[in-house]
Amino acid sequence: MDTFWAAAAALTPPIGVGILFTIAIRALMNADRTERAAMARLEAEEAARAQAAAGSGSQRTVD
């Protein structure tokens, strides 16, 4: 039984580091996903603004 506890004690730190690594990578992936969504939303708003400005500018008549 001592061998079991020695093996468990030896495996606990790597398992803990693996869990922390998984949590960190998932947090990075989630942050990247939300940043890409925010950038896409911002670019869509800018494109719509630019298109509206171009559309309103082409309707002007010169006297």
PDB file of N, CA and C in Angstrom:
ATOM      1  N   MET A   1       0.826  -1.189   0.000  1.00  0.00           N
ATOM      2  CA  MET A   1       0.000   0.000   0.000  1.00  0.00           C
ATOM      3  C   MET A   1       0.870   1.251   0.000  1.00  0.00           C
ATOM      4  N   ASP A   2       2.062   1.149   0.573  1.00  0.00           N
ATOM      5  CA  ASP A   2       2.967   2.289   0.573  1.00  0.00           C
ATOM      6  C   ASP A   2       3.382   2.660  -0.849  1.00  0.00           C
ATOM      7  N   THR A   3       3.512   1.664  -1.698  1.00  0.00           N
ATOM      8  CA  THR A   3       3.875   1.922  -3.087  1.00  0.00           C
ATOM      9  C   THR A   3       2.791   2.713  -3.796  1.00  0.00           C
ATOM     10  N   PHE A   4       1.532   2.406  -3.502  1.00  0.00           N
ATOM     11  CA  PHE A   4       0.410   3.131  -4.110  1.00  0.00           C
ATOM     12  C   PHE A   4       0.460   4.602  -3.730  1.00  0.00           C
ATOM     13  N   TRP A   5       0.647   4.893  -2.429  1.00  0.00           N
ATOM     14  CA  TRP A   5       0.668   6.280  -1.978  1.00  0.00           C
ATOM     15  C   TRP A   5       1.893   7.018  -2.499  1.00  0.00           C
ATOM     16  N   ALA A   6       2.992   6.322  -2.648  1.00  0.00           N
ATOM     17  CA  ALA A   6       4.194   6.945  -3.218  1.00  0.00           C
ATOM     18  C   ALA A   6       3.951   7.308  -4.683  1.00  0.00           C
ATOM     19  N   ALA A   7       3.301   6.417  -5.405  1.00  0.00           N
ATOM     20  CA  ALA A   7       2.987   6.695  -6.806  1.00  0.00           C
ATOM     21  C   ALA A   7       1.970   7.825  -6.916  1.00  0.00           C
ATOM     22  N   ALA A   8       0.963   7.817  -6.036  1.00  0.00           N
ATOM     23  CA  ALA A   8      -0.038   8.888  -6.043  1.00  0.00           C
ATOM     24  C   ALA A   8       0.609  10.232  -5.723  1.00  0.00           C
ATOM     25  N   ALA A   9       1.511  10.258  -4.778  1.00  0.00           N
ATOM     26  CA  ALA A   9       2.204  11.502  -4.422  1.00  0.00           C
ATOM     27  C   ALA A   9       3.099  11.980  -5.557  1.00  0.00           C
ATOM     28  N   ALA A  10       3.659  11.056  -6.302  1.00  0.00           N
ATOM     29  CA  ALA A  10       4.524  11.430  -7.423  1.00  0.00           C
ATOM     30  C   ALA A  10       3.704  11.944  -8.609  1.00  0.00           C
ATOM     31  N   LEU A  11       2.490  11.455  -8.784  1.00  0.00           N
ATOM     32  CA  LEU A  11       1.668  11.857  -9.926  1.00  0.00           C
ATOM     33  C   LEU A  11       0.813  13.089  -9.666  1.00  0.00           C
ATOM     34  N   THR A  12       0.618  13.448  -8.414  1.00  0.00           N
ATOM     35  CA  THR A  12      -0.249  14.581  -8.094  1.00  0.00           C
ATOM     36  C   THR A  12       0.258  15.904  -8.677  1.00  0.00           C
ATOM     37  N   PRO A  13       1.521  16.287  -8.525  1.00  0.00           N
ATOM     38  CA  PRO A  13       1.972  17.569  -9.083  1.00  0.00           C
ATOM     39  C   PRO A  13       1.825  17.669 -10.613  1.00  0.00           C
ATOM     40  N   PRO A  14       2.216  16.666 -11.389  1.00  0.00           N
ATOM     41  CA  PRO A  14       2.030  16.793 -12.839  1.00  0.00           C
ATOM     42  C   PRO A  14       0.556  16.894 -13.247  1.00  0.00           C
ATOM     43  N   ILE A  15      -0.292  16.181 -12.536  1.00  0.00           N
ATOM     44  CA  ILE A  15      -1.726  16.260 -12.842  1.00  0.00           C
ATOM     45  C   ILE A  15      -2.237  17.662 -12.529  1.00  0.00           C
ATOM     46  N   GLY A  16      -1.808  18.222 -11.405  1.00  0.00           N
ATOM     47  CA  GLY A  16      -2.212  19.585 -11.039  1.00  0.00           C
ATOM     48  C   GLY A  16      -1.733  20.602 -12.051  1.00  0.00           C
ATOM     49  N   VAL A  17      -0.484  20.475 -12.502  1.00  0.00           N
ATOM     50  CA  VAL A  17       0.051  21.385 -13.513  1.00  0.00           C
ATOM     51  C   VAL A  17      -0.710  21.221 -14.826  1.00  0.00           C
ATOM     52  N   GLY A  18      -1.051  20.000 -15.165  1.00  0.00           N
ATOM     53  CA  GLY A  18      -1.826  19.767 -16.381  1.00  0.00           C
ATOM     54  C   GLY A  18      -3.201  20.424 -16.320  1.00  0.00           C
ATOM     55  N   ILE A  19      -3.832  20.350 -15.164  1.00  0.00           N
ATOM     56  CA  ILE A  19      -5.150  20.988 -14.998  1.00  0.00           C
ATOM     57  C   ILE A  19      -5.017  22.502 -15.109  1.00  0.00           C
ATOM     58  N   LEU A  20      -4.006  23.077 -14.451  1.00  0.00           N
ATOM     59  CA  LEU A  20      -3.788  24.526 -14.553  1.00  0.00           C
ATOM     60  C   LEU A  20      -3.474  24.946 -15.988  1.00  0.00           C
ATOM     61  N   PHE A  21      -2.678  24.158 -16.687  1.00  0.00           N
ATOM     62  CA  PHE A  21      -2.359  24.446 -18.084  1.00  0.00           C
ATOM     63  C   PHE A  21      -3.619  24.431 -18.939  1.00  0.00           C
ATOM     64  N   THR A  22      -4.473  23.442 -18.731  1.00  0.00           N
ATOM     65  CA  THR A  22      -5.723  23.348 -19.484  1.00  0.00           C
ATOM     66  C   THR A  22      -6.613  24.561 -19.224  1.00  0.00           C
ATOM     67  N   ILE A  23      -6.713  24.976 -17.976  1.00  0.00           N
ATOM     68  CA  ILE A  23      -7.527  26.144 -17.628  1.00  0.00           C
ATOM     69  C   ILE A  23      -6.960  27.400 -18.298  1.00  0.00           C
ATOM     70  N   ALA A  24      -5.643  27.558 -18.277  1.00  0.00           N
ATOM     71  CA  ALA A  24      -5.015  28.739 -18.882  1.00  0.00           C
ATOM     72  C   ALA A  24      -5.231  28.769 -20.393  1.00  0.00           C
ATOM     73  N   ILE A  25      -5.057  27.649 -21.049  1.00  0.00           N
ATOM     74  CA  ILE A  25      -5.239  27.596 -22.501  1.00  0.00           C
ATOM     75  C   ILE A  25      -6.695  27.851 -22.876  1.00  0.00           C
ATOM     76  N   ARG A  26      -7.628  27.300 -22.112  1.00  0.00           N
ATOM     77  CA  ARG A  26      -9.049  27.551 -22.384  1.00  0.00           C
ATOM     78  C   ARG A  26      -9.381  29.019 -22.214  1.00  0.00           C
ATOM     79  N   ALA A  27      -8.799  29.674 -21.201  1.00  0.00           N
ATOM     80  CA  ALA A  27      -9.031  31.106 -20.992  1.00  0.00           C
ATOM     81  C   ALA A  27      -8.466  31.920 -22.151  1.00  0.00           C
ATOM     82  N   LEU A  28      -7.287  31.555 -22.633  1.00  0.00           N
ATOM     83  CA  LEU A  28      -6.707  32.247 -23.782  1.00  0.00           C
ATOM     84  C   LEU A  28      -7.560  32.074 -25.035  1.00  0.00           C
ATOM     85  N   MET A  29      -8.039  30.869 -25.261  1.00  0.00           N
ATOM     86  CA  MET A  29      -8.870  30.616 -26.442  1.00  0.00           C
ATOM     87  C   MET A  29     -10.179  31.391 -26.360  1.00  0.00           C
ATOM     88  N   ASN A  30     -10.771  31.439 -25.172  1.00  0.00           N
ATOM     89  CA  ASN A  30     -12.013  32.179 -24.991  1.00  0.00           C
ATOM     90  C   ASN A  30     -11.784  33.674 -25.205  1.00  0.00           C
ATOM     91  N   ALA A  31     -10.694  34.210 -24.681  1.00  0.00           N
ATOM     92  CA  ALA A  31     -10.381  35.629 -24.867  1.00  0.00           C
ATOM     93  C   ALA A  31     -10.160  35.941 -26.337  1.00  0.00           C
ATOM     94  N   ASP A  32      -9.475  35.060 -27.053  1.00  0.00           N
ATOM     95  CA  ASP A  32      -9.241  35.262 -28.473  1.00  0.00           C
ATOM     96  C   ASP A  32     -10.560  35.230 -29.240  1.00  0.00           C
ATOM     97  N   ARG A  33     -11.423  34.303 -28.887  1.00  0.00           N
ATOM     98  CA  ARG A  33     -12.719  34.185 -29.565  1.00  0.00           C
ATOM     99  C   ARG A  33     -13.548  35.450 -29.375  1.00  0.00           C
ATOM    100  N   THR A  34     -13.604  35.960 -28.144  1.00  0.00           N
ATOM    101  CA  THR A  34     -14.404  37.157 -27.884  1.00  0.00           C
ATOM    102  C   THR A  34     -13.769  38.392 -28.521  1.00  0.00           C
ATOM    103  N   GLU A  35     -12.432  38.448 -28.565  1.00  0.00           N
ATOM    104  CA  GLU A  35     -11.776  39.578 -29.218  1.00  0.00           C
ATOM    105  C   GLU A  35     -12.051  39.566 -30.716  1.00  0.00           C
ATOM    106  N   ARG A  36     -12.007  38.395 -31.336  1.00  0.00           N
ATOM    107  CA  ARG A  36     -12.300  38.312 -32.770  1.00  0.00           C
ATOM    108  C   ARG A  36     -13.746  38.710 -33.061  1.00  0.00           C
ATOM    109  N   ALA A  37     -14.666  38.327 -32.207  1.00  0.00           N
ATOM    110  CA  ALA A  37     -16.073  38.709 -32.393  1.00  0.00           C
ATOM    111  C   ALA A  37     -16.235  40.220 -32.244  1.00  0.00           C
ATOM    112  N   ALA A  38     -15.566  40.812 -31.271  1.00  0.00           N
ATOM    113  CA  ALA A  38     -15.646  42.257 -31.076  1.00  0.00           C
ATOM    114  C   ALA A  38     -15.031  42.999 -32.259  1.00  0.00           C
ATOM    115  N   MET A  39     -13.911  42.512 -32.760  1.00  0.00           N
ATOM    116  CA  MET A  39     -13.286  43.152 -33.921  1.00  0.00           C
ATOM    117  C   MET A  39     -14.166  43.034 -35.159  1.00  0.00           C
ATOM    118  N   ALA A  40     -14.802  41.897 -35.360  1.00  0.00           N
ATOM    119  CA  ALA A  40     -15.694  41.728 -36.505  1.00  0.00           C
ATOM    120  C   ALA A  40     -16.883  42.676 -36.394  1.00  0.00           C
ATOM    121  N   ARG A  41     -17.417  42.820 -35.182  1.00  0.00           N
ATOM    122  CA  ARG A  41     -18.540  43.735 -34.968  1.00  0.00           C
ATOM    123  C   ARG A  41     -18.107  45.178 -35.246  1.00  0.00           C
ATOM    124  N   LEU A  42     -16.921  45.561 -34.777  1.00  0.00           N
ATOM    125  CA  LEU A  42     -16.404  46.901 -34.994  1.00  0.00           C
ATOM    126  C   LEU A  42     -16.170  47.166 -36.480  1.00  0.00           C
ATOM    127  N   GLU A  43     -15.583  46.214 -37.178  1.00  0.00           N
ATOM    128  CA  GLU A  43     -15.331  46.375 -38.604  1.00  0.00           C
ATOM    129  C   GLU A  43     -16.634  46.466 -39.388  1.00  0.00           C
ATOM    130  N   ALA A  44     -17.650  45.712 -38.977  1.00  0.00           N
ATOM    131  CA  ALA A  44     -18.946  45.787 -39.648  1.00  0.00           C
ATOM    132  C   ALA A  44     -19.584  47.156 -39.432  1.00  0.00           C
ATOM    133  N   GLU A  45     -19.461  47.691 -38.231  1.00  0.00           N
ATOM    134  CA  GLU A  45     -19.998  49.028 -37.958  1.00  0.00           C
ATOM    135  C   GLU A  45     -19.268  50.082 -38.779  1.00  0.00           C
ATOM    136  N   GLU A  46     -17.945  49.972 -38.867  1.00  0.00           N
ATOM    137  CA  GLU A  46     -17.171  50.927 -39.650  1.00  0.00           C
ATOM    138  C   GLU A  46     -17.513  50.826 -41.133  1.00  0.00           C
ATOM    139  N   ALA A  47     -17.692  49.623 -41.628  1.00  0.00           N
ATOM    140  CA  ALA A  47     -18.048  49.443 -43.036  1.00  0.00           C
ATOM    141  C   ALA A  47     -19.431  50.030 -43.316  1.00  0.00           C
ATOM    142  N   ALA A  48     -20.358  49.827 -42.391  1.00  0.00           N
ATOM    143  CA  ALA A  48     -21.703  50.381 -42.575  1.00  0.00           C
ATOM    144  C   ALA A  48     -21.651  51.902 -42.547  1.00  0.00           C
ATOM    145  N   ARG A  49     -20.852  52.477 -41.649  1.00  0.00           N
ATOM    146  CA  ARG A  49     -20.700  53.925 -41.587  1.00  0.00           C
ATOM    147  C   ARG A  49     -20.072  54.467 -42.867  1.00  0.00           C
ATOM    148  N   ALA A  50     -19.049  53.790 -43.363  1.00  0.00           N
ATOM    149  CA  ALA A  50     -18.380  54.220 -44.585  1.00  0.00           C
ATOM    150  C   ALA A  50     -19.328  54.123 -45.780  1.00  0.00           C
ATOM    151  N   GLN A  51     -20.118  53.069 -45.820  1.00  0.00           N
ATOM    152  CA  GLN A  51     -21.067  52.893 -46.918  1.00  0.00           C
ATOM    153  C   GLN A  51     -22.157  53.960 -46.839  1.00  0.00           C
ATOM    154  N   ALA A  52     -22.604  54.292 -45.639  1.00  0.00           N
ATOM    155  CA  ALA A  52     -23.618  55.333 -45.476  1.00  0.00           C
ATOM    156  C   ALA A  52     -23.053  56.689 -45.877  1.00  0.00           C
ATOM    157  N   ALA A  53     -21.816  56.947 -45.534  1.00  0.00           N
ATOM    158  CA  ALA A  53     -21.179  58.217 -45.900  1.00  0.00           C
ATOM    159  C   ALA A  53     -20.978  58.293 -47.413  1.00  0.00           C
ATOM    160  N   ALA A  54     -20.597  57.204 -48.029  1.00  0.00           N
ATOM    161  CA  ALA A  54     -20.416  57.183 -49.477  1.00  0.00           C
ATOM    162  C   ALA A  54     -21.760  57.294 -50.188  1.00  0.00           C
ATOM    163  N   GLY A  55     -22.764  56.692 -49.620  1.00  0.00           N
ATOM    164  CA  GLY A  55     -24.092  56.754 -50.223  1.00  0.00           C
ATOM    165  C   GLY A  55     -24.689  58.140 -50.135  1.00  0.00           C
ATOM    166  N   SER A  56     -24.510  58.821 -49.026  1.00  0.00           N
ATOM    167  CA  SER A  56     -25.058  60.161 -48.867  1.00  0.00           C
ATOM    168  C   SER A  56     -24.264  61.160 -49.669  1.00  0.00           C
ATOM    169  N   GLY A  57     -22.969  60.893 -49.891  1.00  0.00           N
ATOM    170  CA  GLY A  57     -22.140  61.796 -50.676  1.00  0.00           C
ATOM    171  C   GLY A  57     -22.438  61.724 -52.165  1.00  0.00           C
ATOM    172  N   SER A  58     -22.889  60.595 -52.646  1.00  0.00           N
ATOM    173  CA  SER A  58     -23.157  60.456 -54.077  1.00  0.00           C
ATOM    174  C   SER A  58     -24.505  61.058 -54.459  1.00  0.00           C
ATOM    175  N   GLN A  59     -25.356  61.376 -53.508  1.00  0.00           N
ATOM    176  CA  GLN A  59     -26.651  61.948 -53.813  1.00  0.00           C
ATOM    177  C   GLN A  59     -26.616  63.462 -53.893  1.00  0.00           C
ATOM    178  N   ARG A  60     -25.508  64.074 -53.558  1.00  0.00           N
ATOM    179  CA  ARG A  60     -25.376  65.509 -53.623  1.00  0.00           C
ATOM    180  C   ARG A  60     -25.304  65.975 -55.070  1.00  0.00           C
ATOM    181  N   THR A  61     -25.888  67.103 -55.311  1.00  0.00           N
ATOM    182  CA  THR A  61     -25.823  67.682 -56.657  1.00  0.00           C
ATOM    183  C   THR A  61     -25.028  68.974 -56.581  1.00  0.00           C
ATOM    184  N   VAL A  62     -24.292  69.240 -57.613  1.00  0.00           N
ATOM    185  CA  VAL A  62     -23.490  70.459 -57.673  1.00  0.00           C
ATOM    186  C   VAL A  62     -24.262  71.473 -58.484  1.00  0.00           C
ATOM    187  N   ASP A  63     -24.436  72.669 -57.931  1.00  0.00           N
ATOM    188  CA  ASP A  63     -25.175  73.733 -58.646  1.00  0.00           C
ATOM    189  C   ASP A  63     -24.270  74.529 -59.519  1.00  0.00           C
TER     190      ASP A  63
END
